[in-house]
Amino acid sequence: MMQYASLLIALPLFSAFLVPLIKRASKKVILYYLSLVTLIQTGIAAWVFKEVYTSGKPIIVIAGGFKPPVGINLYIGHFAALFILIIAVVSFFMAVFSIKAIDVDPIDKYVMLFLLLMLGATGMIATGDIFNLFVFMEITAISAYALTGYNKTGEASEAAMKYIVLGGIGSSFFLVGIALLYGSLGTLNLAQIAMLASKINPTVAQAALALLVFGLAVEAELFPLNAWAPDAYQASPHPVTVMFSAFVVKAGLYAMVRIVYLFKDTQAFMGILNLLLILGTLTVIIGELSALRQTNVKRMLAYSSIAQIGLIAVGFGVATPQAVDAAVFHMLNHAIVKTLMFLAVGYVAVKFGSPQIESFRGLGKRMPLTAFTITVGAISIVGIPLFNIFWSKFKLLLAALQVGKTGIVALILGASLVEAVYYFRLLHLMWFEEGKGEKVEEDLALGIIMLLLVALIVVIGVYPDFVWGIVQKASADLYNVAQYVKNVPLLQGVSP
């Protein structure tokens, strides 16, 4: 039964190759076909999540029957099960949104790239092999490049080119880092790398990890390799923007932390943690201050999203069990809230032709449901109690205080204050200023999706304990490297 988990990779791959055949039969059904595939993927991901969390054991898929480290394996533990489910659910929601939002041809190419983007992010989180991780990262990146430029405008082409250049730099760093590790340890399997980590020269380990961190910083949107993100978020199709924020960045961040934490018991670890803290702090400061002066709401959300990723990186940089719990909780909460925000803002842009801030003037009267969901998302991001992000920010604060890092406390509080300025400015514009135009009929399907996300934000905000228990199991999957190594069925005779 466990081999059925491989469908999480196989289904989007083969479905993407079937798109040309679907197009020949009927071009109109392509986007509905995308919705069907992502719905099936969600069902498989939900089954995998249930199996992992009820049994307490990871699902390990061994490709071709060859045990690792000779063969490639998928490792779906508590973290992977949770975030693969998030990838599938968000992809299904965006497939539904695509029916309303995508009208630029060729739509069949959009569907193929959409499925490959979902495949790449899923593979990055599920793989147990560092070179296979690189392959899935490239699938994700190439799909993202093409989707960024999909709208065929000058703005989109420029954003895609910037993404390609920075992505190429990141891939080069990552490959050199892999080469250093392989040259030193003679293996590409993540579990075996962890077993042998203490044998590598500390200087070589630090150099390799630094290269891998900078290589993944492009997808993880960490400074200084995140300059592509605001342009790509603004120029890409609205459903794609949601996917970038909700799970592409999370896959990059997960891959970075998974690799770094394999060296948790070595001399190189502390130096890389300091690097993560510096990059995360700079990402928060630059992201928040940049968001403050934006007049394009989609771009403002992009900078806000970058800043939140910086906070997550800071949590992983603290690297205590409490900080890792809080960082994973913030990853989950951020995925929920930014899915809602980018969906709602993208829907406004579809209706009024632009995500410029003027389109949101008087939105409370013209699109009350959408305005309400934006309001809930904004209040949550700021960190108001009874909404989900309050708890993850609070947990990050407690984790920082436990190790005496008052600078991180000041960073979180300062970021929340800046967020309050630009989000409440948007809310004032929507609810207290008069806009042009009549009330708009809002789409039922998108309204239901937005209300489901609002309900999730409020339920986690009021009753956080259940989700917190899930998050703690997911974060332990990252932090407890010894258990990760123990779970992977390496060939007999392989030893540290």
Protein backbone atom coordinates (compact mmCIF):
# COMPACT_ATOMS: atom_id res chain seq x y z
CA MET A 1 0.00 0.00 0.00
CA MET A 2 2.86 2.38 0.79
CA GLN A 3 3.96 2.33 -2.85
CA TYR A 4 0.74 4.20 -3.71
CA ALA A 5 2.39 7.28 -2.20
CA SER A 6 4.55 7.39 -5.35
CA LEU A 7 1.39 8.54 -7.16
CA LEU A 8 2.06 11.95 -5.59
CA ILE A 9 4.92 12.20 -8.10
CA ALA A 10 3.54 10.05 -10.90
CA LEU A 11 0.06 11.58 -11.16
CA PRO A 12 1.05 15.19 -11.96
CA LEU A 13 3.87 14.00 -14.23
CA PHE A 14 1.73 11.75 -16.42
CA SER A 15 -1.23 14.14 -16.26
CA ALA A 16 0.98 16.91 -17.67
CA PHE A 17 1.92 14.71 -20.64
CA LEU A 18 -1.76 13.93 -21.28
CA VAL A 19 -2.65 17.62 -21.68
CA PRO A 20 -1.99 17.72 -25.49
CA LEU A 21 -4.37 14.78 -25.95
CA ILE A 22 -7.04 16.51 -23.85
CA LYS A 23 -6.57 19.66 -25.92
CA ARG A 24 -7.16 17.76 -29.16
CA ALA A 25 -10.43 16.41 -27.80
CA SER A 26 -11.71 19.71 -26.41
CA LYS A 27 -9.82 22.88 -25.56
CA LYS A 28 -12.63 24.05 -23.25
CA VAL A 29 -12.19 21.24 -20.77
CA ILE A 30 -8.44 21.71 -20.11
CA LEU A 31 -8.88 23.86 -17.00
CA TYR A 32 -11.58 21.51 -15.69
CA TYR A 33 -9.16 18.63 -16.30
CA LEU A 34 -6.61 20.52 -14.17
CA SER A 35 -9.17 20.82 -11.37
CA LEU A 36 -9.89 17.08 -11.56
CA VAL A 37 -6.21 16.10 -11.42
CA THR A 38 -5.48 18.39 -8.47
CA LEU A 39 -8.59 17.08 -6.67
CA ILE A 40 -7.31 13.50 -7.07
CA GLN A 41 -3.87 14.64 -5.89
CA THR A 42 -5.52 16.17 -2.82
CA GLY A 43 -7.25 12.86 -2.09
CA ILE A 44 -3.95 10.94 -2.32
CA ALA A 45 -2.18 13.54 -0.16
CA ALA A 46 -4.97 13.35 2.44
CA TRP A 47 -4.65 9.56 2.54
CA VAL A 48 -0.87 9.83 3.00
CA PHE A 49 -1.34 12.42 5.76
CA LYS A 50 -3.80 10.12 7.56
CA GLU A 51 -1.48 7.12 7.27
CA VAL A 52 1.56 8.95 8.61
CA TYR A 53 -0.19 10.72 11.48
CA THR A 54 -2.24 7.73 12.64
CA SER A 55 0.61 5.19 12.43
CA GLY A 56 3.30 7.60 13.64
CA LYS A 57 5.68 6.12 11.05
CA PRO A 58 6.99 7.64 7.80
CA ILE A 59 6.07 6.29 4.40
CA ILE A 60 9.24 5.33 2.52
CA VAL A 61 9.07 4.54 -1.18
CA ILE A 62 12.15 2.81 -2.62
CA ALA A 63 12.53 3.44 -6.35
CA GLY A 64 13.25 0.39 -8.51
CA GLY A 65 13.64 -1.92 -5.53
CA PHE A 66 17.21 -0.75 -4.81
CA LYS A 67 17.71 0.17 -1.18
CA PRO A 68 19.40 3.48 -0.38
CA PRO A 69 22.09 4.74 -0.59
CA VAL A 70 22.37 2.86 -3.91
CA GLY A 71 18.77 3.62 -4.89
CA ILE A 72 16.68 6.78 -4.59
CA ASN A 73 14.00 6.87 -1.92
CA LEU A 74 11.07 9.10 -1.07
CA TYR A 75 10.73 9.90 2.62
CA ILE A 76 7.29 11.13 3.68
CA GLY A 77 7.45 11.79 7.40
CA HIS A 78 5.25 14.06 9.48
CA PHE A 79 6.61 17.27 7.95
CA ALA A 80 6.39 16.06 4.36
CA ALA A 81 2.90 14.60 4.85
CA LEU A 82 1.62 17.92 6.20
CA PHE A 83 3.12 20.17 3.55
CA ILE A 84 2.43 17.84 0.63
CA LEU A 85 -1.22 18.07 1.68
CA ILE A 86 -0.94 21.87 1.72
CA ILE A 87 0.60 21.81 -1.78
CA ALA A 88 -2.24 19.63 -3.09
CA VAL A 89 -5.05 21.63 -1.46
CA VAL A 90 -3.67 25.00 -2.59
CA SER A 91 -3.14 23.60 -6.11
CA PHE A 92 -6.77 22.46 -6.24
CA PHE A 93 -7.99 25.87 -5.06
CA MET A 94 -5.83 27.59 -7.68
CA ALA A 95 -7.04 25.23 -10.39
CA VAL A 96 -10.58 26.40 -9.59
CA PHE A 97 -9.41 30.02 -9.57
CA SER A 98 -7.68 29.47 -12.93
CA ILE A 99 -11.05 28.83 -14.57
CA LYS A 100 -11.93 32.46 -13.81
CA ALA A 101 -8.51 34.06 -14.03
CA ILE A 102 -6.72 32.50 -17.02
CA ASP A 103 -7.71 33.58 -20.52
CA VAL A 104 -4.33 34.04 -22.22
CA ASP A 105 -3.43 31.34 -24.76
CA PRO A 106 -1.96 28.75 -24.91
CA ILE A 107 -3.92 27.48 -21.91
CA ASP A 108 -2.68 23.92 -22.45
CA LYS A 109 0.89 25.10 -21.77
CA TYR A 110 -0.32 26.84 -18.62
CA VAL A 111 -1.89 23.60 -17.36
CA MET A 112 1.24 21.56 -18.11
CA LEU A 113 3.48 24.06 -16.30
CA PHE A 114 1.02 24.28 -13.39
CA LEU A 115 1.18 20.50 -12.90
CA LEU A 116 4.97 20.45 -13.17
CA LEU A 117 5.25 23.23 -10.59
CA MET A 118 3.10 21.17 -8.20
CA LEU A 119 5.20 18.09 -9.01
CA GLY A 120 8.51 19.87 -8.40
CA ALA A 121 7.52 21.31 -5.02
CA THR A 122 6.12 17.94 -3.90
CA GLY A 123 9.30 16.18 -4.96
CA MET A 124 11.55 18.67 -3.18
CA ILE A 125 9.79 17.92 0.10
CA ALA A 126 9.48 14.16 -0.39
CA THR A 127 12.88 13.12 -1.76
CA GLY A 128 15.55 11.50 0.39
CA ASP A 129 18.41 12.10 -2.06
CA ILE A 130 20.26 15.40 -2.43
CA PHE A 131 20.83 15.15 -6.19
CA ASN A 132 17.22 14.16 -6.73
CA LEU A 133 16.40 17.25 -4.68
CA PHE A 134 18.35 19.28 -7.23
CA VAL A 135 16.38 17.68 -10.08
CA PHE A 136 13.05 18.52 -8.46
CA MET A 137 14.32 22.03 -7.68
CA GLU A 138 15.10 22.53 -11.37
CA ILE A 139 11.66 21.23 -12.40
CA THR A 140 10.12 23.73 -9.98
CA ALA A 141 12.36 26.58 -11.12
CA ILE A 142 11.94 26.06 -14.88
CA SER A 143 8.16 25.79 -14.51
CA ALA A 144 8.19 28.94 -12.38
CA TYR A 145 10.28 30.85 -14.94
CA ALA A 146 7.84 30.01 -17.72
CA LEU A 147 4.76 30.77 -15.62
CA THR A 148 6.22 34.11 -14.55
CA GLY A 149 6.42 35.19 -18.18
CA TYR A 150 3.15 33.53 -19.17
CA ASN A 151 1.14 36.75 -19.58
CA LYS A 152 3.48 37.84 -22.42
CA THR A 153 3.77 41.46 -21.31
CA GLY A 154 7.01 43.43 -21.10
CA GLU A 155 6.70 43.42 -17.33
CA ALA A 156 6.28 39.64 -17.27
CA SER A 157 9.25 39.06 -19.59
CA GLU A 158 11.51 41.26 -17.47
CA ALA A 159 10.42 39.49 -14.27
CA ALA A 160 11.01 36.06 -15.84
CA MET A 161 14.47 37.07 -17.05
CA LYS A 162 15.43 38.35 -13.60
CA TYR A 163 14.18 35.09 -12.09
CA ILE A 164 16.15 33.01 -14.64
CA VAL A 165 19.41 34.87 -13.96
CA LEU A 166 19.15 34.58 -10.18
CA GLY A 167 17.88 31.02 -10.45
CA GLY A 168 20.89 30.09 -12.59
CA ILE A 169 23.23 31.55 -9.99
CA GLY A 170 21.44 29.65 -7.23
CA SER A 171 21.57 26.36 -9.16
CA SER A 172 25.30 26.79 -9.72
CA PHE A 173 25.91 27.35 -6.00
CA PHE A 174 23.80 24.32 -5.17
CA LEU A 175 25.63 22.01 -7.59
CA VAL A 176 29.05 23.06 -6.28
CA GLY A 177 27.81 22.42 -2.74
CA ILE A 178 26.62 18.94 -3.73
CA ALA A 179 30.00 18.26 -5.37
CA LEU A 180 31.84 19.22 -2.18
CA LEU A 181 29.67 16.94 -0.06
CA TYR A 182 29.88 14.04 -2.49
CA GLY A 183 33.64 14.44 -2.85
CA SER A 184 34.04 14.34 0.92
CA LEU A 185 31.47 11.69 1.87
CA GLY A 186 30.92 9.62 -1.28
CA THR A 187 27.12 9.59 -0.95
CA LEU A 188 24.09 11.57 -2.07
CA ASN A 189 21.57 9.98 0.28
CA LEU A 190 20.44 12.46 2.94
CA ALA A 191 20.28 9.90 5.76
CA GLN A 192 23.75 8.60 4.99
CA ILE A 193 25.09 12.16 4.78
CA ALA A 194 23.80 12.67 8.33
CA MET A 195 25.51 9.44 9.45
CA LEU A 196 28.85 10.50 7.99
CA ALA A 197 28.60 14.23 8.75
CA SER A 198 31.08 14.12 11.63
CA LYS A 199 33.79 12.74 9.33
CA ILE A 200 33.88 15.72 6.98
CA ASN A 201 36.44 18.49 7.46
CA PRO A 202 34.63 21.34 9.31
CA THR A 203 35.87 23.99 6.87
CA VAL A 204 34.72 21.95 3.87
CA ALA A 205 31.38 21.32 5.59
CA GLN A 206 30.84 25.04 6.24
CA ALA A 207 31.75 25.92 2.66
CA ALA A 208 29.43 23.24 1.25
CA LEU A 209 26.53 24.21 3.49
CA ALA A 210 26.97 27.92 2.75
CA LEU A 211 26.85 27.17 -0.99
CA LEU A 212 23.75 25.02 -0.53
CA VAL A 213 22.05 27.72 1.56
CA PHE A 214 22.74 30.40 -1.05
CA GLY A 215 21.67 27.98 -3.80
CA LEU A 216 18.31 27.42 -2.15
CA ALA A 217 17.95 31.07 -1.10
CA VAL A 218 16.47 31.84 -4.56
CA GLU A 219 13.47 29.55 -4.08
CA ALA A 220 13.33 30.37 -0.35
CA GLU A 221 13.22 34.12 -1.16
CA LEU A 222 16.01 35.02 1.26
CA PHE A 223 18.13 38.14 0.84
CA PRO A 224 20.20 38.79 -1.29
CA LEU A 225 18.89 36.29 -3.88
CA ASN A 226 15.20 37.26 -3.61
CA ALA A 227 15.25 40.28 -5.95
CA TRP A 228 13.23 38.27 -8.49
CA ALA A 229 10.28 37.72 -6.16
CA PRO A 230 8.41 41.08 -6.11
CA ASP A 231 8.51 41.40 -9.91
CA ALA A 232 7.51 37.76 -10.43
CA TYR A 233 4.66 37.97 -7.93
CA GLN A 234 3.35 41.11 -9.59
CA ALA A 235 3.68 39.94 -13.21
CA SER A 236 2.71 36.26 -13.02
CA PRO A 237 -0.87 35.00 -13.40
CA HIS A 238 -2.80 35.44 -10.16
CA PRO A 239 -3.16 31.69 -9.34
CA VAL A 240 0.58 31.23 -9.87
CA THR A 241 1.37 34.03 -7.43
CA VAL A 242 -0.59 32.15 -4.78
CA MET A 243 1.42 28.99 -5.48
CA PHE A 244 4.73 30.85 -5.23
CA SER A 245 3.85 32.22 -1.80
CA ALA A 246 1.99 29.23 -0.39
CA PHE A 247 4.32 26.37 -1.25
CA VAL A 248 7.17 27.03 -3.72
CA VAL A 249 8.99 29.16 -1.17
CA LYS A 250 8.18 26.64 1.58
CA ALA A 251 9.71 23.81 -0.44
CA GLY A 252 12.94 25.80 -0.87
CA LEU A 253 13.06 26.69 2.81
CA TYR A 254 12.36 23.11 3.88
CA ALA A 255 15.12 21.75 1.64
CA MET A 256 17.56 24.27 3.10
CA VAL A 257 16.72 23.41 6.70
CA ARG A 258 16.64 19.65 6.10
CA ILE A 259 20.19 19.74 4.69
CA VAL A 260 21.60 22.12 7.31
CA TYR A 261 20.11 20.15 10.21
CA LEU A 262 21.78 16.95 8.99
CA PHE A 263 24.97 18.55 10.36
CA LYS A 264 23.39 19.43 13.71
CA ASP A 265 26.02 17.59 15.74
CA THR A 266 29.07 18.95 13.87
CA GLN A 267 31.32 21.98 14.30
CA ALA A 268 29.99 23.52 11.06
CA PHE A 269 26.43 23.81 12.35
CA MET A 270 26.71 26.97 14.47
CA GLY A 271 28.36 28.99 11.72
CA ILE A 272 25.57 28.15 9.28
CA LEU A 273 22.94 28.99 11.91
CA ASN A 274 24.49 32.44 12.26
CA LEU A 275 24.31 32.81 8.48
CA LEU A 276 20.61 31.88 8.57
CA LEU A 277 19.97 34.42 11.34
CA ILE A 278 21.70 37.19 9.38
CA LEU A 279 19.94 36.39 6.10
CA GLY A 280 16.58 36.04 7.84
CA THR A 281 16.94 39.33 9.71
CA LEU A 282 17.95 41.26 6.60
CA THR A 283 15.06 39.66 4.69
CA VAL A 284 12.55 40.79 7.33
CA ILE A 285 13.85 44.38 7.47
CA ILE A 286 14.07 44.89 3.72
CA GLY A 287 10.76 43.15 3.05
CA GLU A 288 8.76 45.17 5.58
CA LEU A 289 10.24 48.55 4.68
CA SER A 290 9.72 47.87 0.96
CA ALA A 291 6.09 46.83 1.51
CA LEU A 292 5.46 50.10 3.31
CA ARG A 293 5.86 52.21 0.17
CA GLN A 294 4.03 50.10 -2.43
CA THR A 295 0.99 51.32 -4.36
CA ASN A 296 0.40 47.97 -6.08
CA VAL A 297 -1.37 45.72 -3.56
CA LYS A 298 -0.10 42.51 -5.12
CA ARG A 299 3.47 43.79 -4.90
CA MET A 300 2.86 44.93 -1.33
CA LEU A 301 1.75 41.40 -0.42
CA ALA A 302 4.86 40.05 -2.15
CA TYR A 303 7.18 42.08 0.07
CA SER A 304 5.07 41.18 3.11
CA SER A 305 5.40 37.50 2.19
CA ILE A 306 9.17 37.86 1.85
CA ALA A 307 9.35 39.41 5.32
CA GLN A 308 7.36 36.54 6.85
CA ILE A 309 9.73 34.04 5.26
CA GLY A 310 12.56 35.95 6.90
CA LEU A 311 10.90 35.43 10.29
CA ILE A 312 10.63 31.70 9.62
CA ALA A 313 14.32 31.56 8.68
CA VAL A 314 15.19 33.37 11.92
CA GLY A 315 13.23 30.74 13.86
CA PHE A 316 15.17 27.96 12.16
CA GLY A 317 18.38 29.89 12.85
CA VAL A 318 17.67 29.86 16.61
CA ALA A 319 17.49 26.06 16.23
CA THR A 320 16.06 25.07 19.61
CA PRO A 321 13.17 22.55 19.56
CA GLN A 322 10.80 25.36 20.63
CA ALA A 323 12.05 27.68 17.87
CA VAL A 324 11.73 24.97 15.21
CA ASP A 325 8.17 24.23 16.40
CA ALA A 326 7.34 27.94 16.12
CA ALA A 327 8.98 28.28 12.67
CA VAL A 328 7.03 25.32 11.25
CA PHE A 329 3.82 26.71 12.80
CA HIS A 330 4.51 30.05 11.10
CA MET A 331 5.13 28.25 7.80
CA LEU A 332 1.71 26.62 8.08
CA ASN A 333 -0.09 29.80 9.13
CA HIS A 334 1.63 31.86 6.47
CA ALA A 335 0.62 29.37 3.77
CA ILE A 336 -3.04 29.63 4.83
CA VAL A 337 -3.18 33.42 5.16
CA LYS A 338 -1.21 34.26 2.02
CA THR A 339 -3.29 31.81 -0.03
CA LEU A 340 -6.35 33.78 1.08
CA MET A 341 -4.77 37.21 0.54
CA PHE A 342 -3.28 36.59 -2.90
CA LEU A 343 -6.47 34.81 -4.01
CA ALA A 344 -8.69 37.70 -2.89
CA VAL A 345 -6.41 40.40 -4.28
CA GLY A 346 -6.02 38.49 -7.54
CA TYR A 347 -9.81 38.17 -7.80
CA VAL A 348 -10.17 41.94 -7.36
CA ALA A 349 -7.60 42.43 -10.11
CA VAL A 350 -9.54 40.07 -12.40
CA LYS A 351 -12.75 42.03 -11.78
CA PHE A 352 -11.29 45.54 -12.07
CA GLY A 353 -8.31 44.94 -14.34
CA SER A 354 -5.57 45.98 -11.93
CA PRO A 355 -4.20 45.28 -8.43
CA GLN A 356 -3.30 48.96 -8.00
CA ILE A 357 -4.43 50.36 -4.67
CA GLU A 358 -7.06 52.57 -6.34
CA SER A 359 -8.97 49.42 -7.36
CA PHE A 360 -9.55 48.73 -3.66
CA ARG A 361 -11.09 52.10 -2.81
CA GLY A 362 -14.60 51.45 -1.50
CA LEU A 363 -14.23 47.68 -2.04
CA GLY A 364 -16.31 47.02 1.08
CA LYS A 365 -19.43 48.22 -0.76
CA ARG A 366 -18.60 46.86 -4.21
CA MET A 367 -17.30 43.38 -3.22
CA PRO A 368 -18.19 42.96 0.48
CA LEU A 369 -17.34 39.26 0.74
CA THR A 370 -13.91 39.67 -0.84
CA ALA A 371 -13.23 42.79 1.24
CA PHE A 372 -14.19 40.89 4.38
CA THR A 373 -11.75 38.06 3.61
CA ILE A 374 -8.94 40.53 2.89
CA THR A 375 -9.70 42.17 6.23
CA VAL A 376 -9.44 38.90 8.14
CA GLY A 377 -6.17 38.03 6.38
CA ALA A 378 -4.66 41.46 7.08
CA ILE A 379 -5.64 41.41 10.76
CA SER A 380 -4.14 37.94 11.08
CA ILE A 381 -0.81 38.89 9.46
CA VAL A 382 -0.41 41.83 11.82
CA GLY A 383 -0.66 39.39 14.72
CA ILE A 384 -3.95 40.32 16.39
CA PRO A 385 -5.13 37.74 19.00
CA LEU A 386 -7.84 35.21 18.04
CA PHE A 387 -6.32 34.84 14.56
CA ASN A 388 -3.83 32.14 13.60
CA ILE A 389 -0.62 34.12 13.01
CA PHE A 390 -0.82 35.62 16.50
CA TRP A 391 0.06 32.21 17.92
CA SER A 392 3.02 31.48 15.66
CA LYS A 393 4.48 34.95 16.26
CA PHE A 394 3.91 34.50 19.99
CA LYS A 395 5.66 31.11 19.92
CA LEU A 396 8.60 32.67 18.04
CA LEU A 397 8.81 35.40 20.67
CA LEU A 398 8.85 32.85 23.51
CA ALA A 399 11.49 30.75 21.75
CA ALA A 400 13.72 33.81 21.30
CA LEU A 401 13.28 34.86 24.94
CA GLN A 402 14.19 31.37 26.16
CA VAL A 403 17.66 31.71 24.65
CA GLY A 404 18.03 35.42 25.51
CA LYS A 405 17.84 36.72 21.93
CA THR A 406 16.08 40.02 22.65
CA GLY A 407 17.09 41.34 19.23
CA ILE A 408 14.78 38.78 17.60
CA VAL A 409 11.95 39.86 19.91
CA ALA A 410 12.47 43.47 18.80
CA LEU A 411 12.57 42.32 15.16
CA ILE A 412 9.23 40.49 15.42
CA LEU A 413 7.51 43.37 17.25
CA GLY A 414 8.96 45.97 14.89
CA ALA A 415 7.90 43.98 11.83
CA SER A 416 4.36 43.67 13.22
CA LEU A 417 4.22 47.42 13.78
CA VAL A 418 5.24 48.17 10.19
CA GLU A 419 2.72 45.59 8.93
CA ALA A 420 -0.02 47.33 10.89
CA VAL A 421 0.75 50.60 9.10
CA TYR A 422 0.40 49.37 5.53
CA TYR A 423 -2.35 46.82 6.11
CA PHE A 424 -4.57 49.16 8.11
CA ARG A 425 -4.03 51.80 5.44
CA LEU A 426 -5.45 49.31 2.92
CA LEU A 427 -8.38 48.45 5.21
CA HIS A 428 -9.22 52.14 5.68
CA LEU A 429 -9.25 52.59 1.91
CA MET A 430 -11.58 49.61 1.44
CA TRP A 431 -14.11 50.38 4.16
CA PHE A 432 -14.07 54.13 4.81
CA GLU A 433 -13.49 55.73 1.41
CA GLU A 434 -15.87 55.99 -1.52
CA GLY A 435 -15.02 54.10 -4.69
CA LYS A 436 -16.28 54.30 -8.24
CA GLY A 437 -18.59 51.70 -9.72
CA GLU A 438 -21.53 49.58 -8.67
CA LYS A 439 -21.64 46.47 -6.52
CA VAL A 440 -20.15 43.43 -8.29
CA GLU A 441 -21.60 39.94 -8.26
CA GLU A 442 -18.99 37.71 -6.62
CA ASP A 443 -18.22 34.17 -7.76
CA LEU A 444 -19.77 31.47 -5.58
CA ALA A 445 -16.96 28.90 -5.86
CA LEU A 446 -14.24 31.41 -5.05
CA GLY A 447 -16.37 32.83 -2.25
CA ILE A 448 -16.64 29.37 -0.66
CA ILE A 449 -12.87 28.84 -0.94
CA MET A 450 -12.15 32.23 0.65
CA LEU A 451 -14.62 31.60 3.48
CA LEU A 452 -13.09 28.16 4.13
CA LEU A 453 -9.68 29.82 4.50
CA VAL A 454 -11.17 32.49 6.78
CA ALA A 455 -12.73 29.76 8.93
CA LEU A 456 -9.38 27.98 9.16
CA ILE A 457 -7.64 31.21 10.23
CA VAL A 458 -10.21 31.84 12.97
CA VAL A 459 -10.44 28.22 14.19
CA ILE A 460 -6.64 27.98 14.57
CA GLY A 461 -6.66 31.39 16.24
CA VAL A 462 -9.29 30.38 18.80
CA TYR A 463 -8.35 26.68 19.21
CA PRO A 464 -4.64 26.39 18.34
CA ASP A 465 -3.84 23.26 20.37
CA PHE A 466 -4.93 20.65 17.81
CA VAL A 467 -2.90 22.16 14.97
CA TRP A 468 -0.02 22.86 17.37
CA GLY A 469 0.15 19.11 18.11
CA ILE A 470 0.37 18.36 14.38
CA VAL A 471 3.06 21.02 13.94
CA GLN A 472 5.18 19.66 16.81
CA LYS A 473 5.28 16.23 15.14
CA ALA A 474 6.23 17.86 11.83
CA SER A 475 9.03 19.92 13.37
CA ALA A 476 10.38 16.92 15.29
CA ASP A 477 10.76 15.24 11.90
CA LEU A 478 13.21 18.00 10.97
CA TYR A 479 14.98 18.40 14.30
CA ASN A 480 15.38 14.77 15.33
CA VAL A 481 18.02 13.78 12.80
CA ALA A 482 18.93 10.55 14.60
CA GLN A 483 15.35 9.28 14.22
CA TYR A 484 15.35 10.30 10.55
CA VAL A 485 18.50 8.23 9.94
CA LYS A 486 17.05 5.31 11.89
CA ASN A 487 13.87 5.34 9.79
CA VAL A 488 15.63 5.09 6.40
CA PRO A 489 16.31 1.45 5.44
CA LEU A 490 19.95 1.76 4.35
CA LEU A 491 21.72 -1.29 2.92
CA GLN A 492 23.27 -3.61 5.49
CA GLY A 493 26.94 -2.92 5.92
CA VAL A 494 26.56 0.84 5.55
CA SER A 495 27.94 2.41 8.71
CA PRO A 496 29.26 5.74 9.93
